[in-house]
Structures are given as C-alpha cells and as structure tokens.
N, C-alpha and C. Protein backbone atom coordinates (compact mmCIF):
# COMPACT_ATOMS: atom_id res chain seq x y z
N MET A 1 7.00 -3.97 13.55
CA MET A 1 6.28 -3.71 12.64
C MET A 1 5.67 -2.31 12.20
N ASN A 2 5.92 -1.97 10.93
CA ASN A 2 5.33 -0.88 10.73
C ASN A 2 3.75 -0.73 10.35
N LYS A 3 3.47 0.67 11.12
CA LYS A 3 2.03 0.82 10.81
C LYS A 3 1.98 2.14 10.82
N CYS A 4 0.52 2.21 9.85
CA CYS A 4 0.10 3.80 9.31
C CYS A 4 0.01 4.55 11.33
N SER A 5 0.36 5.90 10.57
CA SER A 5 0.69 6.62 11.86
C SER A 5 -0.88 7.03 11.84
N LYS A 6 -2.09 7.37 11.02
CA LYS A 6 -2.92 7.81 10.61
C LYS A 6 -3.89 6.72 11.60
N CYS A 7 -3.95 5.63 10.76
CA CYS A 7 -5.21 4.52 11.38
C CYS A 7 -4.87 3.48 12.05
N GLY A 8 -3.26 3.41 12.00
CA GLY A 8 -2.42 1.93 12.82
C GLY A 8 -2.76 0.74 12.52
N THR A 9 -3.04 0.71 10.71
CA THR A 9 -3.32 -0.57 10.05
C THR A 9 -2.04 -0.97 9.97
N THR A 10 -1.60 -2.22 10.60
CA THR A 10 -0.08 -2.74 9.79
C THR A 10 0.33 -2.88 8.58
N VAL A 11 1.08 -3.05 8.08
CA VAL A 11 1.61 -3.31 6.89
C VAL A 11 1.39 -5.21 6.73
N GLN A 12 1.68 -5.85 7.90
CA GLN A 12 1.18 -7.03 7.43
C GLN A 12 -0.40 -7.11 7.40
N GLU A 13 -1.08 -6.51 8.10
CA GLU A 13 -2.62 -6.44 7.72
C GLU A 13 -2.85 -5.98 6.50
N ILE A 14 -2.21 -5.07 5.83
CA ILE A 14 -2.39 -4.75 4.50
C ILE A 14 -2.31 -5.76 3.64
N LEU A 15 -0.55 -6.25 3.39
CA LEU A 15 -0.49 -6.92 2.42
C LEU A 15 -1.20 -8.58 2.27
N GLU A 16 -1.70 -8.77 3.84
CA GLU A 16 -2.49 -9.90 3.89
C GLU A 16 -4.09 -10.01 3.46
N THR A 17 -4.90 -9.05 3.57
CA THR A 17 -5.69 -8.70 3.35
C THR A 17 -5.84 -8.02 1.88
N GLY A 18 -5.23 -7.16 1.57
CA GLY A 18 -5.16 -6.48 0.46
C GLY A 18 -5.76 -4.93 0.54
N PHE A 19 -6.44 -4.53 1.47
CA PHE A 19 -7.14 -3.94 2.33
C PHE A 19 -5.97 -2.36 2.71
N VAL A 20 -6.29 -1.56 2.64
CA VAL A 20 -5.60 -0.01 3.04
C VAL A 20 -7.07 0.06 4.51
N GLY A 21 -6.11 0.96 5.49
CA GLY A 21 -7.20 1.35 6.38
C GLY A 21 -7.10 3.07 6.35
N CYS A 22 -6.36 3.76 5.40
CA CYS A 22 -6.98 5.19 4.90
C CYS A 22 -5.80 5.50 3.74
N GLU A 23 -5.75 6.55 3.27
CA GLU A 23 -5.34 6.83 2.10
C GLU A 23 -3.74 7.28 2.90
N LYS A 24 -3.62 7.30 3.90
CA LYS A 24 -2.11 7.56 4.49
C LYS A 24 -1.35 6.19 4.48
N CYS A 25 -1.99 4.91 4.27
CA CYS A 25 -1.37 3.95 4.43
C CYS A 25 -0.43 3.97 3.18
N TYR A 26 -0.59 4.46 2.40
CA TYR A 26 0.05 4.27 0.78
C TYR A 26 1.27 5.18 0.98
N ASP A 27 1.68 5.93 2.46
CA ASP A 27 2.93 6.27 2.37
C ASP A 27 3.89 5.52 2.99
N LEU A 28 3.59 4.40 3.50
CA LEU A 28 4.64 3.21 3.64
C LEU A 28 5.27 2.74 3.34
N PRO A 29 6.73 2.79 3.13
CA PRO A 29 7.58 2.08 1.88
C PRO A 29 6.85 0.87 1.66
N GLU A 30 6.85 -0.26 2.38
CA GLU A 30 6.32 -1.50 1.63
C GLU A 30 5.26 -1.62 1.35
N VAL A 31 4.53 -0.70 1.52
CA VAL A 31 2.78 -0.86 0.43
C VAL A 31 3.17 -0.34 -0.82
N GLN A 32 4.29 0.94 -0.86
CA GLN A 32 4.42 1.34 -2.39
C GLN A 32 5.07 0.44 -3.36
N ASN A 33 5.83 -0.42 -2.51
CA ASN A 33 6.40 -1.22 -3.15
C ASN A 33 5.72 -2.48 -3.69
N ALA A 34 4.70 -2.76 -2.38
CA ALA A 34 3.87 -3.90 -2.92
C ALA A 34 3.20 -3.29 -4.21
N VAL A 35 2.42 -1.91 -4.16
CA VAL A 35 1.65 -1.52 -5.48
C VAL A 35 2.59 -1.15 -6.88
N LEU A 36 3.68 -1.21 -6.58
CA LEU A 36 4.63 -1.23 -7.19
C LEU A 36 4.97 -2.24 -8.08
N LYS A 37 5.14 -3.59 -7.66
CA LYS A 37 5.04 -4.77 -8.29
C LYS A 37 3.60 -4.95 -8.69
N MET A 38 2.64 -4.92 -8.30
CA MET A 38 1.46 -5.46 -8.79
C MET A 38 1.00 -4.35 -10.15
N TYR A 39 1.74 -3.34 -9.99
CA TYR A 39 0.41 -2.38 -11.12
C TYR A 39 1.80 -1.93 -12.09
N GLY A 40 3.04 -2.39 -11.82
CA GLY A 40 4.16 -2.41 -12.83
C GLY A 40 5.07 -0.50 -12.70
N GLY A 41 3.97 0.43 -12.86
CA GLY A 41 5.11 1.39 -12.91
C GLY A 41 4.00 2.51 -12.84
N LYS A 42 4.18 3.95 -13.07
CA LYS A 42 3.38 5.32 -12.69
C LYS A 42 2.38 5.38 -13.72
N THR A 43 2.81 4.92 -15.12
CA THR A 43 1.93 5.66 -16.07
C THR A 43 1.06 4.63 -16.49
N HIS A 44 -0.23 5.02 -16.53
CA HIS A 44 -1.35 4.54 -17.41
C HIS A 44 -1.20 4.06 -18.66
N LYS A 45 -1.07 2.70 -18.91
CA LYS A 45 -1.50 2.16 -20.53
C LYS A 45 -2.50 1.76 -21.47
N GLY A 46 -3.57 1.94 -20.29
CA GLY A 46 -4.61 1.31 -20.85
C GLY A 46 -5.67 2.83 -21.27
N GLU A 47 -6.93 2.00 -21.86
CA GLU A 47 -8.04 2.71 -22.45
C GLU A 47 -8.44 3.67 -21.44
C-alpha cells in the first residue's frame, strides 16, 4: 500500500475520506490521478 513519505497517510485513507494528510500527499501518483479525474484538467475555466 502506497503511503505518504512525510505524514504516513495511505492512499486508501485519502480515497475513502477525501482528505490528504499534508501537501506531500499530492505527489502520490494515485492521488494525482484521482484529482485529475475529479477536476478534469489543469486549466481553470471558471471565473
């Protein structure tokens, strides 16, 4: 199971709760994929 090297939060915990433990959690590939699926892209299209 992948987990954050800084805070120890697991990918499973993040995906189940929707909460990351720290800023380093966003470096995990599974978290990056989940964020990309949720928000669709890197370009802000709103106001």
